């Protein structure tokens, strides 16, 4: 036994784990188990099959065992050299063996269609017959399991070693409902506990651990195994184990399943579960693939709580540095992405400010150009209006009725006081025919300077005929009013001076201030 203990001490961790799994299934002697596993290239399934079925030559099995050997350890040597070479027992501490893949398990979606009652009635005998045959077959398999290994059929042995049971008769639910049922049954069986079981399916827990770079601890239980209750009470519900799993710094996502459920059964098949209770620690393995999830630790069968906890701690410490490196890379990428987004946002804001300034400058230039154009237009219009006004005054001065002679009695004698803005300001006395309109009086005041020029020229120089400006409506910029009583006389062409003023009158001329501000405001609003 001392030699066997020395051989076990020289085995690598993966070989020791394979040896432990093999002994738990076969209960074989230690030194014999080591030799059989060496002959099976440390493949547990092949060794179990050889133990129960015999070691007859099987080329296909040997070829499968050779294919399972990692390429880094494959060498050209004989079977005898590989078994008894000293380096085969040396611990491999300088490198890490490749982990088994942990596929994403998605349970099948069951779609049930209710058949017509007539078809159900016709198929009822076959259904009852199938149930009866299934019951007899299960009883037959159970009886055969008690036979010795030498005479026991191989199919029965494989079924016993795998530990899988029939899951028929248990209602299939959605993954979230299945997880809730497992948690409820677990609490009912073992009491209220603090284990943070994931409340979703295996696929959701797998995605969560992969996305957040956490460890996924999968616990598969079989109620039909005798070791399940002791494992849960003494190991899984141990306070040290519960505290370690609950600790957020350990980054553990716990998912549990009952192999009687289809999802947990499928997980057990995908992860090559050989014995219950079964635990597997899964995490991202960046050194074996950037998106590859691998099984970094298998914990099979019952074991003390301290051993269970020690195995978990060692595996998490072993692969935690790899996940820390990936977290650091993701953090650096997030920081770089955030910085790039901030730079892009700052550039967009600066570009928007520049665009707004350019728009304001453009609008200001357009407004200045419009104001300048409007000012030129108004200046042109004012100049044209002044020319038309001068032309009208020159023309209207020639149209004013001459002053009646002094001996004419049917006249209106008017004394006008002209303001300083008018040429020849002062007091002016003039006689007008009584039938002359008030507009004639206004025209006389407006054209007073022109009339003086015509009188100064006399008959020596004939005035140049002037035409009235076209499309021009003359507006007087003054008004004529009497003092006492004050009466304003409008420039009417229908009211005569005799009717409104009488024989004579003392009148004053008042200059009107044009409402230029109001006109400017109206034009600006337009």
Protein backbone atom coordinates (compact mmCIF):
# COMPACT_ATOMS: atom_id res chain seq x y z
CA UNK A 1 0.00 0.00 0.00
CA UNK A 2 2.98 2.28 0.55
CA UNK A 3 3.95 1.86 -3.08
CA UNK A 4 0.44 2.71 -4.15
CA UNK A 5 0.47 5.80 -1.95
CA UNK A 6 3.74 6.92 -3.49
CA UNK A 7 2.34 6.40 -6.99
CA UNK A 8 -0.71 8.52 -6.16
CA UNK A 9 1.48 11.29 -4.81
CA UNK A 10 3.34 11.43 -8.11
CA UNK A 11 0.17 11.75 -10.21
CA UNK A 12 -0.89 15.07 -11.70
CA UNK A 13 -4.05 16.77 -10.40
CA UNK A 14 -6.05 15.68 -13.46
CA UNK A 15 -4.88 12.08 -13.03
CA UNK A 16 -5.75 12.13 -9.34
CA UNK A 17 -9.20 13.43 -10.18
CA UNK A 18 -9.68 10.67 -12.77
CA UNK A 19 -8.49 8.10 -10.23
CA UNK A 20 -10.95 9.39 -7.62
CA UNK A 21 -13.87 9.23 -10.09
CA UNK A 22 -12.91 5.72 -11.16
CA UNK A 23 -12.62 4.38 -7.58
CA UNK A 24 -15.95 5.93 -6.57
CA UNK A 25 -17.67 4.01 -9.38
CA UNK A 26 -15.79 0.68 -9.29
CA UNK A 27 -14.49 0.53 -5.67
CA UNK A 28 -11.34 -1.21 -7.00
CA UNK A 29 -8.00 -1.45 -5.22
CA UNK A 30 -5.82 1.63 -5.55
CA UNK A 31 -2.79 0.10 -7.27
CA UNK A 32 -4.96 -1.91 -9.67
CA UNK A 33 -7.02 1.17 -10.48
CA UNK A 34 -3.84 3.16 -11.30
CA UNK A 35 -2.60 0.44 -13.66
CA UNK A 36 -5.96 0.12 -15.42
CA UNK A 37 -6.22 3.87 -15.85
CA UNK A 38 -2.69 3.98 -17.25
CA UNK A 39 -3.57 1.31 -19.76
CA UNK A 40 -6.70 3.35 -20.65
CA UNK A 41 -4.68 6.56 -21.13
CA UNK A 42 -6.41 7.98 -18.02
CA UNK A 43 -9.82 7.98 -19.72
CA UNK A 44 -12.32 7.28 -16.94
CA UNK A 45 -15.14 6.07 -19.18
CA UNK A 46 -12.94 3.57 -21.03
CA UNK A 47 -11.46 2.33 -17.75
CA UNK A 48 -14.94 1.80 -16.27
CA UNK A 49 -16.03 -0.07 -19.39
CA UNK A 50 -12.92 -2.29 -19.20
CA UNK A 51 -13.56 -2.98 -15.51
CA UNK A 52 -17.13 -4.15 -16.02
CA UNK A 53 -16.81 -5.76 -19.47
CA UNK A 54 -13.28 -7.12 -19.39
CA UNK A 55 -10.10 -5.97 -21.10
CA UNK A 56 -10.42 -7.62 -24.43
CA UNK A 57 -8.58 -6.05 -27.36
CA UNK A 58 -10.68 -3.21 -28.71
CA UNK A 59 -8.86 -1.15 -31.41
CA UNK A 60 -11.63 1.39 -31.61
CA UNK A 61 -11.52 2.07 -27.88
CA UNK A 62 -7.75 2.36 -27.89
CA UNK A 63 -7.92 4.76 -30.84
CA UNK A 64 -10.46 6.91 -29.00
CA UNK A 65 -8.22 6.97 -25.96
CA UNK A 66 -5.25 8.08 -28.01
CA UNK A 67 -7.31 10.88 -29.59
CA UNK A 68 -8.20 12.19 -26.12
CA UNK A 69 -4.53 12.68 -25.25
CA UNK A 70 -3.50 16.37 -25.55
CA UNK A 71 -1.19 17.07 -28.47
CA UNK A 72 1.38 18.68 -26.22
CA UNK A 73 1.94 15.36 -24.38
CA UNK A 74 1.75 12.96 -27.34
CA UNK A 75 5.07 11.21 -28.08
CA UNK A 76 6.26 8.31 -30.25
CA UNK A 77 6.82 5.55 -27.72
CA UNK A 78 5.65 2.08 -26.90
CA UNK A 79 2.92 1.27 -24.42
CA UNK A 80 5.48 -0.28 -22.04
CA UNK A 81 7.62 2.87 -22.07
CA UNK A 82 4.65 5.10 -21.49
CA UNK A 83 3.50 3.05 -18.50
CA UNK A 84 6.80 2.66 -16.68
CA UNK A 85 8.65 5.84 -17.72
CA UNK A 86 9.60 7.86 -14.60
CA UNK A 87 8.40 11.10 -16.11
CA UNK A 88 4.88 9.70 -16.51
CA UNK A 89 4.46 9.86 -12.72
CA UNK A 90 6.14 13.26 -12.30
CA UNK A 91 3.79 16.08 -11.37
CA UNK A 92 3.24 18.61 -14.15
CA UNK A 93 3.35 21.90 -12.31
CA UNK A 94 4.90 24.01 -15.06
CA UNK A 95 1.86 24.01 -17.31
CA UNK A 96 -1.92 23.78 -17.09
CA UNK A 97 -3.90 21.02 -18.82
CA UNK A 98 -6.60 21.99 -21.26
CA UNK A 99 -10.04 22.16 -19.70
CA UNK A 100 -13.09 20.34 -20.99
CA UNK A 101 -15.50 22.54 -22.91
CA UNK A 102 -18.65 23.71 -21.15
CA UNK A 103 -21.32 24.02 -23.84
CA UNK A 104 -24.33 26.26 -23.50
CA UNK A 105 -27.20 23.90 -22.75
CA UNK A 106 -30.59 24.96 -24.05
CA UNK A 107 -33.45 22.65 -23.04
CA UNK A 108 -35.80 21.54 -25.80
CA UNK A 109 -39.12 23.31 -26.01
CA UNK A 110 -41.95 20.89 -25.67
CA UNK A 111 -44.89 21.58 -27.91
CA UNK A 112 -47.98 19.57 -27.05
CA UNK A 113 -50.88 19.20 -29.38
CA UNK A 114 -54.13 17.80 -28.08
CA UNK A 115 -55.26 15.04 -30.38
CA UNK A 116 -58.93 14.58 -31.23
CA UNK A 117 -60.86 12.50 -28.72
CA UNK A 118 -61.66 9.83 -31.27
CA UNK A 119 -57.97 9.22 -32.06
CA UNK A 120 -57.19 9.26 -28.34
CA UNK A 121 -59.88 6.66 -27.75
CA UNK A 122 -58.47 4.44 -30.50
CA UNK A 123 -54.90 4.76 -29.21
CA UNK A 124 -55.80 4.27 -25.54
CA UNK A 125 -55.08 0.47 -25.56
CA UNK A 126 -51.64 1.07 -27.07
CA UNK A 127 -50.90 3.76 -24.46
CA UNK A 128 -51.85 1.48 -21.57
CA UNK A 129 -49.83 -1.33 -23.11
CA UNK A 130 -46.76 0.89 -23.44
CA UNK A 131 -46.99 2.00 -19.82
CA UNK A 132 -47.30 -1.62 -18.66
CA UNK A 133 -44.34 -2.69 -20.80
CA UNK A 134 -42.25 0.23 -19.48
CA UNK A 135 -43.02 -0.78 -15.89
CA UNK A 136 -42.06 -4.39 -16.53
CA UNK A 137 -38.86 -3.29 -18.30
CA UNK A 138 -37.83 -1.03 -15.43
CA UNK A 139 -38.42 -3.87 -12.98
CA UNK A 140 -36.32 -6.16 -15.15
CA UNK A 141 -33.44 -3.62 -15.26
CA UNK A 142 -33.64 -3.25 -11.49
CA UNK A 143 -33.39 -7.01 -10.92
CA UNK A 144 -30.45 -7.34 -13.31
CA UNK A 145 -28.54 -4.68 -11.41
CA UNK A 146 -28.07 -7.13 -8.51
CA UNK A 147 -26.24 -9.70 -10.69
CA UNK A 148 -22.43 -10.03 -10.46
CA UNK A 149 -20.38 -7.84 -12.75
CA UNK A 150 -19.08 -10.85 -14.69
CA UNK A 151 -22.55 -11.95 -15.86
CA UNK A 152 -24.25 -8.57 -15.81
CA UNK A 153 -25.18 -7.21 -19.30
CA UNK A 154 -23.08 -4.29 -20.50
CA UNK A 155 -26.11 -2.02 -21.01
CA UNK A 156 -27.09 -2.47 -17.36
CA UNK A 157 -23.55 -1.68 -16.22
CA UNK A 158 -23.39 1.49 -18.31
CA UNK A 159 -26.73 2.58 -16.95
CA UNK A 160 -25.59 1.99 -13.37
CA UNK A 161 -22.28 3.84 -13.87
CA UNK A 162 -23.92 6.86 -15.42
CA UNK A 163 -26.51 7.11 -12.68
CA UNK A 164 -29.16 8.47 -15.05
CA UNK A 165 -32.76 7.64 -14.36
CA UNK A 166 -35.95 7.87 -16.29
CA UNK A 167 -37.43 11.33 -16.18
CA UNK A 168 -40.84 10.39 -17.49
CA UNK A 169 -43.79 11.31 -15.34
CA UNK A 170 -42.36 14.67 -14.25
CA UNK A 171 -43.97 17.67 -15.85
CA UNK A 172 -41.69 19.65 -18.13
CA UNK A 173 -41.65 23.39 -17.40
CA UNK A 174 -39.92 26.46 -18.76
CA UNK A 175 -36.35 27.03 -17.47
CA UNK A 176 -37.35 29.78 -15.03
CA UNK A 177 -40.25 27.70 -13.67
CA UNK A 178 -37.99 24.65 -13.41
CA UNK A 179 -35.47 26.65 -11.36
CA UNK A 180 -38.25 27.89 -9.08
CA UNK A 181 -39.52 24.34 -8.60
CA UNK A 182 -36.01 23.11 -7.77
CA UNK A 183 -35.56 25.88 -5.20
CA UNK A 184 -38.96 25.17 -3.63
CA UNK A 185 -38.34 21.42 -3.40
CA UNK A 186 -34.82 22.05 -2.07
CA UNK A 187 -36.16 24.30 0.70
CA UNK A 188 -38.92 21.85 1.54
CA UNK A 189 -36.46 18.98 1.82
CA UNK A 190 -33.53 20.65 3.58
CA UNK A 191 -35.10 23.70 5.17
CA UNK A 192 -34.70 27.41 4.45
CA UNK A 193 -31.14 28.26 3.45
CA UNK A 194 -29.04 31.15 2.15
CA UNK A 195 -27.70 29.51 -1.01
CA UNK A 196 -28.09 32.07 -3.84
CA UNK A 197 -29.44 29.75 -6.55
CA UNK A 198 -29.85 31.42 -9.95
CA UNK A 199 -33.52 31.99 -10.74
CA UNK A 200 -33.24 31.15 -14.43
CA UNK A 201 -32.28 28.36 -16.73
CA UNK A 202 -28.83 26.92 -17.30
CA UNK A 203 -28.42 28.88 -20.54
CA UNK A 204 -29.18 32.17 -18.77
CA UNK A 205 -26.73 31.37 -15.95
CA UNK A 206 -24.10 30.39 -18.54
CA UNK A 207 -24.58 33.70 -20.39
CA UNK A 208 -24.48 35.69 -17.14
CA UNK A 209 -21.19 34.13 -16.05
CA UNK A 210 -19.70 34.66 -19.49
CA UNK A 211 -20.84 38.27 -19.77
CA UNK A 212 -19.86 39.37 -16.27
CA UNK A 213 -16.71 37.19 -16.12
CA UNK A 214 -17.86 35.14 -13.14
CA UNK A 215 -17.54 31.51 -12.09
CA UNK A 216 -20.56 29.29 -12.70
CA UNK A 217 -20.97 26.56 -10.08
CA UNK A 218 -23.33 23.86 -11.37
CA UNK A 219 -24.75 21.47 -8.76
CA UNK A 220 -26.68 18.43 -10.02
CA UNK A 221 -28.60 16.34 -7.50
CA UNK A 222 -30.41 13.04 -7.82
CA UNK A 223 -33.03 12.35 -5.09
CA UNK A 224 -32.71 8.60 -5.77
CA UNK A 225 -29.07 8.46 -4.61
CA UNK A 226 -28.33 7.74 -0.99
CA UNK A 227 -25.44 10.22 -0.75
CA UNK A 228 -27.51 13.20 -1.87
CA UNK A 229 -29.04 14.05 1.50
CA UNK A 230 -25.77 13.79 3.44
CA UNK A 231 -23.90 15.78 0.81
CA UNK A 232 -26.43 18.60 0.88
CA UNK A 233 -26.73 18.78 4.67
CA UNK A 234 -23.09 18.26 5.60
CA UNK A 235 -21.24 19.79 2.64
CA UNK A 236 -23.34 22.10 0.48
CA UNK A 237 -25.20 23.69 3.40
CA UNK A 238 -22.07 24.01 5.51
CA UNK A 239 -21.78 27.56 6.78
CA UNK A 240 -18.25 27.97 5.37
CA UNK A 241 -19.36 26.78 1.93
CA UNK A 242 -22.47 28.98 1.96
CA UNK A 243 -20.49 32.05 3.05
CA UNK A 244 -17.88 31.44 0.36
CA UNK A 245 -20.49 31.06 -2.39
CA UNK A 246 -22.42 34.12 -1.18
CA UNK A 247 -19.33 36.35 -0.99
CA UNK A 248 -19.62 38.81 -3.90
CA UNK A 249 -15.84 39.11 -4.18
CA UNK A 250 -15.64 35.45 -5.28
CA UNK A 251 -17.90 36.15 -8.31
CA UNK A 252 -19.82 32.87 -8.17
CA UNK A 253 -23.12 32.20 -9.95
CA UNK A 254 -24.78 29.13 -8.40
CA UNK A 255 -27.14 27.01 -10.50
CA UNK A 256 -28.73 23.83 -9.24
CA UNK A 257 -30.81 21.19 -10.91
CA UNK A 258 -32.61 17.93 -10.29
CA UNK A 259 -31.70 15.26 -12.85
CA UNK A 260 -35.35 14.21 -12.91
CA UNK A 261 -35.91 17.44 -14.83
CA UNK A 262 -35.12 17.40 -18.54
CA UNK A 263 -32.84 20.45 -18.40
CA UNK A 264 -30.65 19.11 -15.58
CA UNK A 265 -30.63 15.69 -17.26
CA UNK A 266 -29.35 17.27 -20.47
CA UNK A 267 -26.70 19.22 -18.52
CA UNK A 268 -25.53 15.98 -16.89
CA UNK A 269 -25.24 14.32 -20.29
CA UNK A 270 -23.36 17.26 -21.85
CA UNK A 271 -20.94 17.58 -18.92
CA UNK A 272 -20.26 13.82 -18.72
CA UNK A 273 -21.61 13.36 -15.23
CA UNK A 274 -20.59 9.89 -13.95
CA UNK A 275 -21.76 10.02 -10.37
CA UNK A 276 -24.05 12.02 -8.13
CA UNK A 277 -23.95 14.43 -6.41
CA UNK A 278 -22.06 16.26 -9.10
CA UNK A 279 -20.57 19.77 -9.05
CA UNK A 280 -18.76 21.54 -11.88
CA UNK A 281 -17.01 24.90 -11.77
CA UNK A 282 -17.17 26.70 -15.12
CA UNK A 283 -15.58 29.94 -16.25
CA UNK A 284 -14.23 31.70 -19.30
CA UNK A 285 -10.83 30.34 -20.37
CA UNK A 286 -9.23 33.16 -22.38
CA UNK A 287 -5.95 31.28 -22.85
CA UNK A 288 -7.80 28.52 -24.67
CA UNK A 289 -10.14 30.80 -26.60
CA UNK A 290 -11.44 34.33 -26.21
CA UNK A 291 -15.08 33.15 -25.90
CA UNK A 292 -14.56 29.58 -24.70
CA UNK A 293 -16.23 28.42 -21.49
CA UNK A 294 -14.48 25.47 -19.87
CA UNK A 295 -15.01 23.14 -16.92
CA UNK A 296 -12.13 24.04 -14.64
CA UNK A 297 -13.09 21.71 -11.78
CA UNK A 298 -15.25 18.64 -11.27
CA UNK A 299 -16.38 17.64 -7.79
CA UNK A 300 -17.98 14.20 -7.99
CA UNK A 301 -19.59 12.25 -5.20
CA UNK A 302 -19.82 13.00 -1.49
CA UNK A 303 -16.90 14.70 0.21
CA UNK A 304 -16.25 16.67 3.41
CA UNK A 305 -17.14 20.34 3.45
CA UNK A 306 -13.54 21.47 3.92
CA UNK A 307 -12.37 19.37 0.96
CA UNK A 308 -15.19 20.71 -1.19
CA UNK A 309 -14.38 24.27 -0.17
CA UNK A 310 -10.64 23.79 -0.65
CA UNK A 311 -11.13 22.42 -4.17
CA UNK A 312 -13.34 25.39 -5.08
CA UNK A 313 -10.85 27.89 -3.65
CA UNK A 314 -7.91 26.34 -5.45
CA UNK A 315 -9.71 26.34 -8.79
CA UNK A 316 -10.93 29.90 -8.40
CA UNK A 317 -7.47 31.12 -7.39
CA UNK A 318 -5.95 29.24 -10.32
CA UNK A 319 -8.20 30.74 -12.97
CA UNK A 320 -9.11 34.00 -11.25
CA UNK A 321 -5.99 35.76 -12.55
CA UNK A 322 -7.05 35.04 -16.13
CA UNK A 323 -10.47 36.55 -15.50
CA UNK A 324 -8.85 39.55 -13.78
CA UNK A 325 -6.79 40.14 -16.90
CA UNK A 326 -9.90 39.98 -19.11
CA UNK A 327 -11.70 42.35 -16.72
CA UNK A 328 -8.77 44.78 -16.93
CA UNK A 329 -8.83 44.59 -20.72
CA UNK A 330 -12.59 45.19 -20.80
CA UNK A 331 -12.22 48.09 -18.37
CA UNK A 332 -9.52 49.61 -20.54
CA UNK A 333 -11.72 49.16 -23.60
CA UNK A 334 -14.68 50.75 -21.81
CA UNK A 335 -12.51 53.68 -20.70
CA UNK A 336 -11.16 54.11 -24.22
CA UNK A 337 -14.67 53.87 -25.66
CA UNK A 338 -15.99 56.37 -23.11
CA UNK A 339 -13.12 58.73 -23.81
CA UNK A 340 -13.70 58.40 -27.54
CA UNK A 341 -17.42 59.07 -27.08
CA UNK A 342 -16.64 62.15 -24.95
CA UNK A 343 -14.21 63.40 -27.60
CA UNK A 344 -16.79 62.82 -30.31
CA UNK A 345 -19.42 64.62 -28.23
CA UNK A 346 -17.06 67.56 -27.59
CA UNK A 347 -16.26 67.71 -31.30
CA UNK A 348 -19.94 67.64 -32.19
CA UNK A 349 -20.67 70.41 -29.68
CA UNK A 350 -17.79 72.52 -31.01
CA UNK A 351 -18.94 71.89 -34.56
CA UNK A 352 -22.50 72.88 -33.61
CA UNK A 353 -21.20 76.09 -31.98
CA UNK A 354 -19.17 76.92 -35.10
CA UNK A 355 -22.19 76.24 -37.29
CA UNK A 356 -24.36 78.48 -35.10
CA UNK A 357 -21.78 81.26 -35.24
CA UNK A 358 -21.49 80.93 -39.01
CA UNK A 359 -25.28 81.04 -39.28
CA UNK A 360 -25.44 84.14 -37.09
CA UNK A 361 -22.70 85.84 -39.12
CA UNK A 362 -24.50 84.94 -42.31
CA UNK A 363 -27.80 86.25 -40.98
CA UNK A 364 -26.12 89.43 -39.71
CA UNK A 365 -24.46 89.97 -43.12
CA UNK A 366 -27.77 89.34 -44.85
CA UNK A 367 -29.57 91.75 -42.49
CA UNK A 368 -26.90 94.42 -43.02
CA UNK A 369 -27.11 93.96 -46.77
CA UNK A 370 -30.90 94.15 -46.63
CA UNK A 371 -30.74 97.31 -44.48
CA UNK A 372 -28.22 98.88 -46.84
CA UNK A 373 -30.34 97.96 -49.83
CA UNK A 374 -33.41 99.37 -48.12
CA UNK A 375 -31.55 102.56 -47.29
CA UNK A 376 -30.41 102.92 -50.92
CA UNK A 377 -33.94 102.26 -52.06
CA UNK A 378 -35.36 104.87 -49.69
CA UNK A 379 -32.70 107.36 -50.66
CA UNK A 380 -33.54 106.80 -54.30
CA UNK A 381 -37.23 107.11 -53.64
CA UNK A 382 -36.67 110.29 -51.60
CA UNK A 383 -34.52 111.76 -54.35
CA UNK A 384 -37.09 110.88 -56.97
CA UNK A 385 -39.86 112.29 -54.77
CA UNK A 386 -37.91 115.53 -54.31
CA UNK A 387 -37.43 115.85 -58.07
CA UNK A 388 -41.10 115.19 -58.70
CA UNK A 389 -42.03 117.70 -55.98
CA UNK A 390 -39.82 120.38 -57.53
CA UNK A 391 -41.23 119.58 -60.96
CA UNK A 392 -44.78 119.80 -59.61
CA UNK A 393 -44.09 123.16 -57.91
CA UNK A 394 -42.56 124.51 -61.09
CA UNK A 395 -45.58 123.32 -63.06
CA UNK A 396 -48.14 124.45 -60.46
CA UNK A 397 -46.63 127.91 -60.24
CA UNK A 398 -47.57 128.48 -63.89
CA UNK A 399 -51.12 127.34 -63.21
CA UNK A 400 -51.93 129.70 -60.34
CA UNK A 401 -54.54 132.32 -61.13
CA UNK A 402 -53.17 135.85 -61.45
CA UNK A 403 -53.97 138.36 -58.73
CA UNK A 404 -57.14 140.37 -59.54
CA UNK A 405 -56.73 144.18 -60.14
CA UNK A 406 -57.19 146.56 -57.21
CA UNK A 407 -60.53 147.90 -58.49
CA UNK A 408 -62.10 144.43 -58.52
CA UNK A 409 -64.63 144.16 -55.73
CA UNK A 410 -65.33 140.38 -55.92
CA UNK A 411 -62.13 139.35 -54.28
CA UNK A 412 -60.93 137.82 -51.00
CA UNK A 413 -58.13 139.70 -49.36
CA UNK A 414 -55.87 137.39 -47.37
CA UNK A 415 -52.97 138.26 -45.11
CA UNK A 416 -50.64 135.26 -44.71
CA UNK A 417 -47.89 134.86 -42.17
CA UNK A 418 -45.27 132.50 -43.60
CA UNK A 419 -42.94 130.62 -41.19
CA UNK A 420 -39.16 130.80 -41.43
CA UNK A 421 -38.96 127.50 -43.34
CA UNK A 422 -40.51 129.15 -46.40
CA UNK A 423 -38.63 131.28 -48.88
CA UNK A 424 -39.58 134.94 -48.42
CA UNK A 425 -40.82 134.32 -44.92
CA UNK A 426 -42.85 137.05 -43.32
CA UNK A 427 -46.22 138.67 -43.91
CA UNK A 428 -47.69 138.32 -47.41
CA UNK A 429 -50.90 139.99 -48.59
CA UNK A 430 -52.65 138.64 -51.68
CA UNK A 431 -56.03 138.98 -53.33
CA UNK A 432 -57.85 135.97 -54.77
CA UNK A 433 -61.08 135.66 -56.70
CA UNK A 434 -63.98 134.67 -54.51
CA UNK A 435 -64.57 131.53 -56.57
CA UNK A 436 -60.97 130.39 -56.13
CA UNK A 437 -60.70 127.07 -54.23
CA UNK A 438 -58.85 126.60 -50.97
CA UNK A 439 -56.43 124.35 -52.84
CA UNK A 440 -55.47 127.43 -54.88
CA UNK A 441 -54.52 129.18 -51.64
CA UNK A 442 -52.36 126.18 -50.62
CA UNK A 443 -50.70 126.08 -54.07
CA UNK A 444 -49.90 129.81 -53.78
CA UNK A 445 -48.19 129.31 -50.41
CA UNK A 446 -46.26 126.22 -51.59
CA UNK A 447 -45.15 127.88 -54.85
CA UNK A 448 -44.48 131.33 -53.36
CA UNK A 449 -40.77 131.26 -54.16
CA UNK A 450 -41.44 130.11 -57.74
CA UNK A 451 -43.94 132.92 -58.22
CA UNK A 452 -41.37 135.45 -56.99
CA UNK A 453 -38.88 134.13 -59.53
CA UNK A 454 -41.45 134.47 -62.29
CA UNK A 455 -42.29 138.05 -61.18
CA UNK A 456 -38.60 138.97 -61.04
CA UNK A 457 -38.08 137.60 -64.53
CA UNK A 458 -41.06 139.62 -65.82
CA UNK A 459 -41.80 139.73 -69.47
CA UNK A 460 -38.11 139.80 -70.50
CA UNK A 461 -37.79 136.05 -70.25
CA UNK A 462 -40.54 133.60 -71.11
CA UNK A 463 -40.75 130.67 -68.61
CA UNK A 464 -39.93 127.27 -69.94
CA UNK A 465 -43.09 125.21 -70.14
CA UNK A 466 -43.09 122.47 -67.51
CA UNK A 467 -45.30 119.39 -67.49
CA UNK A 468 -46.88 117.91 -64.45
CA UNK A 469 -45.02 114.80 -63.13
CA UNK A 470 -46.67 111.50 -63.94
CA UNK A 471 -47.85 109.12 -61.26
CA UNK A 472 -47.34 111.72 -58.58
CA UNK A 473 -49.78 112.85 -55.92
CA UNK A 474 -48.69 116.03 -54.23
CA UNK A 475 -49.11 116.33 -50.46
CA UNK A 476 -48.83 119.68 -48.71
CA UNK A 477 -46.50 119.73 -45.74
CA UNK A 478 -48.26 122.58 -44.01
CA UNK A 479 -51.72 123.75 -43.07
CA UNK A 480 -53.47 127.11 -43.12
CA UNK A 481 -55.54 128.26 -40.19
CA UNK A 482 -57.16 131.41 -38.80
CA UNK A 483 -56.13 132.72 -35.37
CA UNK A 484 -59.32 133.95 -33.71
CA UNK A 485 -61.38 131.89 -33.81
CA UNK A 486 -59.00 129.07 -34.79
CA UNK A 487 -60.19 127.36 -37.91
CA UNK A 488 -58.06 125.04 -40.05
CA UNK A 489 -58.81 125.25 -43.73
CA UNK A 490 -58.18 122.02 -45.61
CA UNK A 491 -56.85 122.12 -49.21
CA UNK A 492 -60.21 121.38 -50.87
CA UNK A 493 -60.79 121.79 -54.58
CA UNK A 494 -64.56 122.12 -54.16
CA UNK A 495 -64.77 124.69 -51.37
CA UNK A 496 -64.20 128.27 -52.47
CA UNK A 497 -62.36 130.88 -50.52
CA UNK A 498 -65.35 133.19 -50.51
CA UNK A 499 -67.46 130.53 -48.82
CA UNK A 500 -64.94 129.63 -46.13
CA UNK A 501 -62.93 132.81 -45.52
CA UNK A 502 -65.26 135.55 -46.63
CA UNK A 503 -64.05 139.01 -47.79
CA UNK A 504 -60.78 138.94 -45.90
CA UNK A 505 -58.87 137.03 -43.35
CA UNK A 506 -55.67 136.96 -41.33
CA UNK A 507 -54.21 133.49 -41.73
CA UNK A 508 -51.09 131.75 -40.53
CA UNK A 509 -49.19 128.94 -42.22
CA UNK A 510 -48.17 126.09 -39.85
CA UNK A 511 -45.44 123.69 -40.87
CA UNK A 512 -46.35 120.01 -40.44
CA UNK A 513 -43.75 117.63 -38.97
CA UNK A 514 -43.68 114.39 -41.03
CA UNK A 515 -44.13 111.22 -38.96
CA UNK A 516 -40.84 109.71 -40.13
CA UNK A 517 -40.41 107.49 -37.05
CA UNK A 518 -43.76 105.85 -37.60
CA UNK A 519 -42.96 105.27 -41.24
CA UNK A 520 -39.62 103.71 -40.31
CA UNK A 521 -41.29 101.42 -37.80
CA UNK A 522 -43.87 100.28 -40.31
CA UNK A 523 -41.23 99.65 -42.94
CA UNK A 524 -39.07 97.68 -40.48
CA UNK A 525 -42.05 95.54 -39.48
CA UNK A 526 -42.72 94.82 -43.12
